[in-house]
C-alpha atoms as a PDB file:
ATOM      1  CA  VAL A   1       0.000   0.000   0.000  1.00  0.00           C
ATOM      2  CA  LEU A   2       1.525   3.297  -1.102  1.00  0.00           C
ATOM      3  CA  ASP A   3       1.563   6.439   0.986  1.00  0.00           C
ATOM      4  CA  ASN A   4      -2.102   7.496   0.913  1.00  0.00           C
ATOM      5  CA  ALA A   5      -1.082  11.159   1.148  1.00  0.00           C
ATOM      6  CA  PHE A   6       0.239  10.974  -2.413  1.00  0.00           C
ATOM      7  CA  GLN A   7      -2.153  11.250  -5.326  1.00  0.00           C
ATOM      8  CA  PHE A   8      -1.412  10.344  -8.939  1.00  0.00           C
ATOM      9  CA  ALA A   9      -2.930  11.864 -12.045  1.00  0.00           C
ATOM     10  CA  ARG A  10      -2.199   9.284 -14.766  1.00  0.00           C
ATOM     11  CA  PRO A  11       0.667   6.862 -14.067  1.00  0.00           C
ATOM     12  CA  SER A  12       2.200   5.427 -17.238  1.00  0.00           C
ATOM     13  CA  GLU A  13       5.157   3.320 -16.021  1.00  0.00           C
ATOM     14  CA  LEU A  14       5.860   1.225 -12.913  1.00  0.00           C
ATOM     15  CA  LEU A  15       9.337  -0.151 -12.212  1.00  0.00           C
ATOM     16  CA  ILE A  16      11.255  -1.841  -9.407  1.00  0.00           C
ATOM     17  CA  CYS A  17      14.872  -0.730  -8.951  1.00  0.00           C
ATOM     18  CA  GLY A  18      16.525  -2.418  -5.969  1.00  0.00           C
ATOM     19  CA  ASP A  19      14.562  -1.353  -2.876  1.00  0.00           C
ATOM     20  CA  THR A  20      12.773   1.435  -4.738  1.00  0.00           C
ATOM     21  CA  LEU A  21       9.420   1.475  -6.500  1.00  0.00           C
ATOM     22  CA  VAL A  22       9.456   3.972  -9.383  1.00  0.00           C
ATOM     23  CA  VAL A  23       6.305   5.490 -10.845  1.00  0.00           C
ATOM     24  CA  CYS A  24       6.261   7.772 -13.899  1.00  0.00           C
ATOM     25  CA  ASP A  25       3.312  10.145 -14.130  1.00  0.00           C
ATOM     26  CA  ASN A  26       3.530  12.545 -17.063  1.00  0.00           C
ATOM     27  CA  LYS A  27       0.509  14.551 -15.923  1.00  0.00           C
ATOM     28  CA  LEU A  28       1.983  15.873 -12.661  1.00  0.00           C
ATOM     29  CA  GLU A  29       4.345  18.807 -12.112  1.00  0.00           C
ATOM     30  CA  LYS A  30       7.108  16.305 -11.334  1.00  0.00           C
ATOM     31  CA  LEU A  31       7.327  13.246 -13.565  1.00  0.00           C
ATOM     32  CA  ILE A  32       9.197  10.634 -11.474  1.00  0.00           C
ATOM     33  CA  HIS A  33       8.040   9.457  -8.034  1.00  0.00           C
ATOM     34  CA  LEU A  34      10.017   7.150  -5.748  1.00  0.00           C
ATOM     35  CA  PHE A  35       8.589   4.958  -2.985  1.00  0.00           C
ATOM     36  CA  ASN A  36      10.077   2.453  -0.583  1.00  0.00           C
ATOM     37  CA  LYS A  37       9.291  -0.947  -2.076  1.00  0.00           C
ATOM     38  CA  GLU A  38       8.489  -2.552   1.283  1.00  0.00           C
ATOM     39  CA  SER A  39       6.691   0.194   3.213  1.00  0.00           C
ATOM     40  CA  GLY A  40       5.208   2.201   0.341  1.00  0.00           C
ATOM     41  CA  LYS A  41       6.536   5.410   1.920  1.00  0.00           C
ATOM     42  CA  HIS A  42       7.002   8.279  -0.522  1.00  0.00           C
ATOM     43  CA  ILE A  43      10.735   9.009  -0.841  1.00  0.00           C
ATOM     44  CA  GLY A  44      10.421  11.990  -3.137  1.00  0.00           C
ATOM     45  CA  SER A  45       9.363  13.306  -6.537  1.00  0.00           C
ATOM     46  CA  PHE A  46      11.875  14.453  -9.149  1.00  0.00           C
ATOM     47  CA  ILE A  47      12.350  15.940 -12.638  1.00  0.00           C
ATOM     48  CA  ASN A  48      10.199  19.004 -13.096  1.00  0.00           C
ATOM     49  CA  LYS A  49       7.721  19.184 -15.932  1.00  0.00           C
ATOM     50  CA  GLY A  50       9.043  21.899 -18.225  1.00  0.00           C
ATOM     51  CA  ARG A  51      11.456  22.861 -20.965  1.00  0.00           C
ATOM     52  CA  GLY A  52      14.435  24.021 -18.910  1.00  0.00           C
ATOM     53  CA  PRO A  53      17.695  22.199 -18.120  1.00  0.00           C
ATOM     54  CA  GLY A  54      17.050  18.876 -16.398  1.00  0.00           C
ATOM     55  CA  GLU A  55      13.320  19.138 -17.081  1.00  0.00           C
ATOM     56  CA  ALA A  56      11.050  17.076 -19.324  1.00  0.00           C
ATOM     57  CA  THR A  57       7.551  17.465 -20.699  1.00  0.00           C
ATOM     58  CA  PHE A  58       6.825  13.783 -21.336  1.00  0.00           C
ATOM     59  CA  PHE A  59       8.751  10.531 -20.894  1.00  0.00           C
ATOM     60  CA  ASN A  60       7.936   8.211 -23.778  1.00  0.00           C
ATOM     61  CA  SER A  61       9.914   5.414 -22.120  1.00  0.00           C
ATOM     62  CA  ILE A  62      12.042   4.888 -19.009  1.00  0.00           C
ATOM     63  CA  PHE A  63      14.185   2.159 -17.483  1.00  0.00           C
ATOM     64  CA  CYS A  64      16.278   1.628 -14.337  1.00  0.00           C
ATOM     65  CA  ASP A  65      19.846   0.351 -14.261  1.00  0.00           C
ATOM     66  CA  SER A  66      22.689   0.497 -11.688  1.00  0.00           C
ATOM     67  CA  ASN A  67      20.669   2.652  -9.277  1.00  0.00           C
ATOM     68  CA  LYS A  68      19.848   5.201 -11.964  1.00  0.00           C
ATOM     69  CA  LEU A  69      16.714   6.031 -13.915  1.00  0.00           C
ATOM     70  CA  TYR A  70      16.919   6.797 -17.637  1.00  0.00           C
ATOM     71  CA  GLY A  71      14.144   8.551 -19.552  1.00  0.00           C
ATOM     72  CA  ILE A  72      13.675   9.947 -23.039  1.00  0.00           C
ATOM     73  CA  ASP A  73      11.651  13.028 -23.980  1.00  0.00           C
ATOM     74  CA  PRO A  74      11.405  12.755 -27.795  1.00  0.00           C
ATOM     75  CA  ASN A  75       9.629  16.084 -28.260  1.00  0.00           C
ATOM     76  CA  GLN A  76      12.455  18.000 -26.577  1.00  0.00           C
ATOM     77  CA  LYS A  77      15.079  15.655 -28.026  1.00  0.00           C
ATOM     78  CA  LYS A  78      16.747  14.896 -24.716  1.00  0.00           C
ATOM     79  CA  LEU A  79      17.719  12.027 -22.444  1.00  0.00           C
ATOM     80  CA  ILE A  80      17.426  12.478 -18.676  1.00  0.00           C
ATOM     81  CA  VAL A  81      19.335  10.419 -16.091  1.00  0.00           C
ATOM     82  CA  LEU A  82      18.364  10.538 -12.393  1.00  0.00           C
ATOM     83  CA  ASP A  83      20.857   9.123  -9.879  1.00  0.00           C
ATOM     84  CA  PHE A  84      19.002   7.546  -6.938  1.00  0.00           C
ATOM     85  CA  SER A  85      21.956   7.951  -4.543  1.00  0.00           C
ATOM     86  CA  ASP A  86      22.182  11.752  -4.633  1.00  0.00           C
ATOM     87  CA  HIS A  87      19.206  12.629  -6.894  1.00  0.00           C
ATOM     88  CA  LYS A  88      21.542  14.342  -9.350  1.00  0.00           C
ATOM     89  CA  ILE A  89      19.997  14.922 -12.779  1.00  0.00           C
ATOM     90  CA  THR A  90      22.105  14.665 -15.950  1.00  0.00           C
ATOM     91  CA  GLU A  91      20.810  15.676 -19.361  1.00  0.00           C
ATOM     92  CA  TYR A  92      21.939  14.495 -22.802  1.00  0.00           C
ATOM     93  CA  SER A  93      20.753  16.211 -25.975  1.00  0.00           C
ATOM     94  CA  THR A  94      19.640  14.057 -28.910  1.00  0.00           C
ATOM     95  CA  VAL A  95      19.409  17.024 -31.294  1.00  0.00           C
ATOM     96  CA  GLU A  96      22.549  15.941 -33.150  1.00  0.00           C
ATOM     97  CA  ILE A  97      21.503  12.279 -33.268  1.00  0.00           C
ATOM     98  CA  ASP A  98      20.123  11.184 -36.619  1.00  0.00           C
ATOM     99  CA  GLY A  99      16.791   9.429 -36.775  1.00  0.00           C
ATOM    100  CA  TRP A 100      14.861  11.168 -33.964  1.00  0.00           C
ATOM    101  CA  PRO A 101      14.940   8.412 -31.300  1.00  0.00           C
ATOM    102  CA  THR A 102      11.646   7.968 -29.446  1.00  0.00           C
ATOM    103  CA  ARG A 103      12.315   5.094 -27.024  1.00  0.00           C
ATOM    104  CA  ILE A 104      15.212   3.721 -25.006  1.00  0.00           C
ATOM    105  CA  LEU A 105      16.226   0.309 -23.681  1.00  0.00           C
ATOM    106  CA  PRO A 106      19.001  -0.659 -21.239  1.00  0.00           C
ATOM    107  CA  TYR A 107      22.288  -1.950 -22.578  1.00  0.00           C
ATOM    108  CA  LYS A 108      25.681  -2.106 -20.784  1.00  0.00           C
ATOM    109  CA  ASP A 109      29.116  -0.531 -20.282  1.00  0.00           C
ATOM    110  CA  GLY A 110      27.780   3.034 -20.162  1.00  0.00           C
ATOM    111  CA  LYS A 111      25.712   2.537 -23.303  1.00  0.00           C
ATOM    112  CA  ILE A 112      21.987   2.497 -23.988  1.00  0.00           C
ATOM    113  CA  LEU A 113      19.834   1.329 -26.865  1.00  0.00           C
ATOM    114  CA  LEU A 114      17.869   3.892 -28.873  1.00  0.00           C
ATOM    115  CA  TYR A 115      14.792   3.057 -30.925  1.00  0.00           C
ATOM    116  CA  SER A 116      13.693   5.063 -33.949  1.00  0.00           C
ATOM    117  CA  SER A 117      10.989   4.508 -36.542  1.00  0.00           C
ATOM    118  CA  SER A 118      12.836   6.597 -39.123  1.00  0.00           C
ATOM    119  CA  GLU A 119      14.613   5.509 -42.290  1.00  0.00           C
ATOM    120  CA  THR A 120      17.976   6.211 -40.629  1.00  0.00           C
ATOM    121  CA  TYR A 121      17.942   3.256 -38.245  1.00  0.00           C
ATOM    122  CA  ARG A 122      15.686   0.994 -36.245  1.00  0.00           C
ATOM    123  CA  PHE A 123      17.900   0.403 -33.222  1.00  0.00           C
ATOM    124  CA  ALA A 124      21.174   2.116 -32.352  1.00  0.00           C
ATOM    125  CA  ILE A 125      23.712   1.615 -29.571  1.00  0.00           C
ATOM    126  CA  TYR A 126      24.497   5.003 -28.028  1.00  0.00           C
ATOM    127  CA  ASP A 127      27.592   5.651 -25.902  1.00  0.00           C
ATOM    128  CA  LEU A 128      26.760   8.111 -23.114  1.00  0.00           C
ATOM    129  CA  GLN A 129      30.397   9.035 -22.533  1.00  0.00           C
ATOM    130  CA  SER A 130      31.240   9.943 -26.125  1.00  0.00           C
ATOM    131  CA  THR A 131      27.592  10.944 -26.870  1.00  0.00           C
ATOM    132  CA  LYS A 132      27.790   9.110 -30.175  1.00  0.00           C
ATOM    133  CA  ILE A 133      26.062   6.218 -31.904  1.00  0.00           C
ATOM    134  CA  ILE A 134      28.595   3.405 -32.212  1.00  0.00           C
ATOM    135  CA  SER A 135      26.477   0.946 -34.225  1.00  0.00           C
ATOM    136  CA  SER A 136      22.973   0.684 -35.665  1.00  0.00           C
ATOM    137  CA  TYR A 137      20.518  -1.768 -37.213  1.00  0.00           C
ATOM    138  CA  ASN A 138      17.866  -1.010 -39.816  1.00  0.00           C
ATOM    139  CA  ILE A 139      16.529  -4.328 -41.141  1.00  0.00           C
ATOM    140  CA  TYR A 140      12.835  -5.285 -40.920  1.00  0.00           C
ATOM    141  CA  PRO A 141      11.154  -8.635 -41.596  1.00  0.00           C
ATOM    142  CA  LEU A 142       9.940  -8.908 -45.202  1.00  0.00           C
ATOM    143  CA  ILE A 143       6.202  -8.767 -44.553  1.00  0.00           C
ATOM    144  CA  ASP A 144       5.426  -6.152 -47.221  1.00  0.00           C
ATOM    145  CA  GLU A 145       7.312  -4.804 -50.221  1.00  0.00           C
ATOM    146  CA  ASN A 146       6.754  -1.243 -48.998  1.00  0.00           C
ATOM    147  CA  GLU A 147       9.339  -0.558 -46.264  1.00  0.00           C
ATOM    148  CA  GLN A 148       7.386   2.441 -44.946  1.00  0.00           C
ATOM    149  CA  THR A 149       4.370   0.185 -44.350  1.00  0.00           C
ATOM    150  CA  VAL A 150       6.527  -2.369 -42.533  1.00  0.00           C
ATOM    151  CA  ARG A 151       7.968   0.354 -40.265  1.00  0.00           C
ATOM    152  CA  SER A 152       4.458   1.558 -39.471  1.00  0.00           C
ATOM    153  CA  ILE A 153       3.233  -1.954 -38.596  1.00  0.00           C
ATOM    154  CA  PHE A 154       6.073  -2.434 -36.118  1.00  0.00           C
ATOM    155  CA  ASN A 155       5.773   1.111 -34.766  1.00  0.00           C
ATOM    156  CA  TYR A 156       2.011   1.071 -34.166  1.00  0.00           C
ATOM    157  CA  ALA A 157       1.867   0.410 -30.393  1.00  0.00           C
ATOM    158  CA  GLY A 158       4.755  -2.031 -30.781  1.00  0.00           C
ATOM    159  CA  GLN A 159       6.451  -3.453 -27.699  1.00  0.00           C
ATOM    160  CA  TYR A 160      10.221  -3.699 -27.130  1.00  0.00           C
ATOM    161  CA  ALA A 161      12.218  -5.411 -24.388  1.00  0.00           C
ATOM    162  CA  MET A 162      15.817  -6.319 -23.555  1.00  0.00           C
ATOM    163  CA  THR A 163      16.880  -9.545 -21.833  1.00  0.00           C
ATOM    164  CA  PRO A 164      18.601  -9.206 -18.427  1.00  0.00           C
ATOM    165  CA  TYR A 165      21.811 -10.535 -20.030  1.00  0.00           C
ATOM    166  CA  ARG A 166      21.543  -7.610 -22.507  1.00  0.00           C
ATOM    167  CA  ASP A 167      22.213  -9.933 -25.429  1.00  0.00           C
ATOM    168  CA  LYS A 168      18.781 -10.043 -27.089  1.00  0.00           C
ATOM    169  CA  ILE A 169      16.107  -7.541 -28.117  1.00  0.00           C
ATOM    170  CA  VAL A 170      12.510  -8.730 -28.373  1.00  0.00           C
ATOM    171  CA  ILE A 171       9.980  -6.913 -30.554  1.00  0.00           C
ATOM    172  CA  ALA A 172       6.239  -7.644 -30.600  1.00  0.00           C
ATOM    173  CA  THR A 173       3.601  -6.088 -32.864  1.00  0.00           C
ATOM    174  CA  TYR A 174       0.127  -4.900 -31.887  1.00  0.00           C
ATOM    175  CA  VAL A 175      -1.275  -5.154 -35.420  1.00  0.00           C
ATOM    176  CA  GLY A 176      -1.293  -8.872 -36.136  1.00  0.00           C
ATOM    177  CA  SER A 177       1.026 -11.017 -34.010  1.00  0.00           C
ATOM    178  CA  ILE A 178       4.670 -10.917 -34.998  1.00  0.00           C
ATOM    179  CA  LEU A 179       7.329 -11.790 -32.436  1.00  0.00           C
ATOM    180  CA  GLU A 180      10.886 -10.932 -33.484  1.00  0.00           C
ATOM    181  CA  THR A 181      14.214 -11.482 -31.710  1.00  0.00           C
ATOM    182  CA  LEU A 182      17.506  -9.726 -32.421  1.00  0.00           C
ATOM    183  CA  ASP A 183      20.933 -10.724 -31.059  1.00  0.00           C
ATOM    184  CA  ILE A 184      23.597  -8.314 -29.759  1.00  0.00           C
ATOM    185  CA  ASN A 185      27.208  -9.453 -29.703  1.00  0.00           C
ATOM    186  CA  ASP A 186      30.200  -7.112 -29.350  1.00  0.00           C
ATOM    187  CA  ASP A 187      27.912  -4.114 -29.922  1.00  0.00           C
ATOM    188  CA  ILE A 188      26.668  -5.546 -33.225  1.00  0.00           C
ATOM    189  CA  ILE A 189      22.926  -6.176 -33.709  1.00  0.00           C
ATOM    190  CA  THR A 190      21.847  -9.071 -35.955  1.00  0.00           C
ATOM    191  CA  SER A 191      18.589 -10.862 -36.742  1.00  0.00           C
ATOM    192  CA  SER A 192      17.805 -14.039 -34.796  1.00  0.00           C
ATOM    193  CA  HIS A 193      14.206 -15.288 -35.121  1.00  0.00           C
ATOM    194  CA  CYS A 194      10.852 -14.046 -36.351  1.00  0.00           C
ATOM    195  CA  ASN A 195       7.567 -15.840 -35.612  1.00  0.00           C
ATOM    196  CA  TYR A 196       4.345 -14.916 -37.452  1.00  0.00           C
ATOM    197  CA  TYR A 197       1.290 -15.929 -35.424  1.00  0.00           C
ATOM    198  CA  PHE A 198      -1.343 -13.857 -37.240  1.00  0.00           C
ATOM    199  CA  GLU A 199      -1.105 -11.883 -40.465  1.00  0.00           C
ATOM    200  CA  PRO A 200      -1.215  -8.095 -39.973  1.00  0.00           C
ATOM    201  CA  LYS A 201      -4.436  -6.776 -41.525  1.00  0.00           C
ATOM    202  CA  TYR A 202      -4.766  -3.006 -41.658  1.00  0.00           C
ATOM    203  CA  ASP A 203      -5.806   0.102 -43.528  1.00  0.00           C
ATOM    204  CA  TYR A 204      -3.948   3.400 -43.904  1.00  0.00           C
ATOM    205  CA  GLN A 205      -4.587   6.588 -41.978  1.00  0.00           C
ATOM    206  CA  LYS A 206      -5.803   9.230 -44.413  1.00  0.00           C
ATOM    207  CA  GLY A 207      -3.386  11.977 -45.390  1.00  0.00           C
ATOM    208  CA  THR A 208      -0.323  10.630 -43.558  1.00  0.00           C
ATOM    209  CA  VAL A 209       3.091  10.932 -45.190  1.00  0.00           C
ATOM    210  CA  PRO A 210       4.854   8.550 -44.869  1.00  0.00           C
ATOM    211  CA  PRO A 211       1.850   6.197 -44.802  1.00  0.00           C
ATOM    212  CA  MET A 212       0.753   5.035 -41.359  1.00  0.00           C
ATOM    213  CA  VAL A 213      -1.304   1.904 -40.778  1.00  0.00           C
ATOM    214  CA  LYS A 214      -4.401   1.673 -38.580  1.00  0.00           C
ATOM    215  CA  PRO A 215      -6.370  -1.325 -37.260  1.00  0.00           C
ATOM    216  CA  ILE A 216      -9.570  -2.402 -39.003  1.00  0.00           C
ATOM    217  CA  ASP A 217     -12.401  -4.826 -38.158  1.00  0.00           C
ATOM    218  CA  LYS A 218     -10.361  -7.747 -39.476  1.00  0.00           C
ATOM    219  CA  THR A 219      -7.263  -6.850 -37.464  1.00  0.00           C
ATOM    220  CA  ILE A 220      -6.228  -9.478 -34.936  1.00  0.00           C
ATOM    221  CA  ILE A 221      -4.702  -7.637 -32.013  1.00  0.00           C
ATOM    222  CA  GLY A 222      -1.342  -9.093 -31.122  1.00  0.00           C
ATOM    223  CA  PHE A 223       0.677  -8.040 -28.090  1.00  0.00           C
ATOM    224  CA  GLU A 224      -0.270  -5.242 -25.699  1.00  0.00           C
ATOM    225  CA  ASP A 225       2.757  -5.822 -23.480  1.00  0.00           C
ATOM    226  CA  ILE A 226       5.676  -8.217 -23.106  1.00  0.00           C
ATOM    227  CA  PHE A 227       8.043  -9.280 -20.343  1.00  0.00           C
ATOM    228  CA  VAL A 228      11.374 -10.921 -21.080  1.00  0.00           C
ATOM    229  CA  SER A 229      13.685 -13.086 -18.975  1.00  0.00           C
ATOM    230  CA  ASN A 230      16.912 -14.686 -20.236  1.00  0.00           C
ATOM    231  CA  GLU A 231      15.050 -17.885 -21.156  1.00  0.00           C
ATOM    232  CA  HIS A 232      11.477 -16.853 -21.872  1.00  0.00           C
ATOM    233  CA  ILE A 233       9.216 -14.215 -23.435  1.00  0.00           C
END
């Protein structure tokens, strides 16, 4: 039971990091809220909602690693890192990064994984120390001859997860049911497996350039969320 003195507006993410429960709520004046995992006591709220240094307007995705929280604000083109030990906030600009990354996943050795739905890349390994992309991957399964359509199918409410060993990426589609696995070895991303459970059936949103798919009556909804261990999805 959380501290009943604290009220949320619209929580979007819930994570466990060591002894800390982390809740992201993009509707409040502070976006990240920490609670004691055992007692539910509110430890504090951090990262102001705004456009100044160390602030964010919306976290599209977050993750915890090595007692730090990482979040991406695609609209402001910035990465935010919150250190749980001293609550220090570090900001990284993604303005100079090609591809407009919109999501992040944990990796290792001071690096993170960026996701982008652009033509530039699909996934990229980003070194926080050098603030540079050191490798990228831009191959999609051949489910349609139009690459823009394929990107839209995988981007429409798609789910992404990294194994605890940080050696595999799992991708799951919402439109239809496609489950794809990529391998990472020595900072190089390669294709592993792709399972097609249901064919993606869709229409196109009117007036969108590049074309964006939308579900229709015949669409079989695939995955709304995924969880990945080292052995199982």
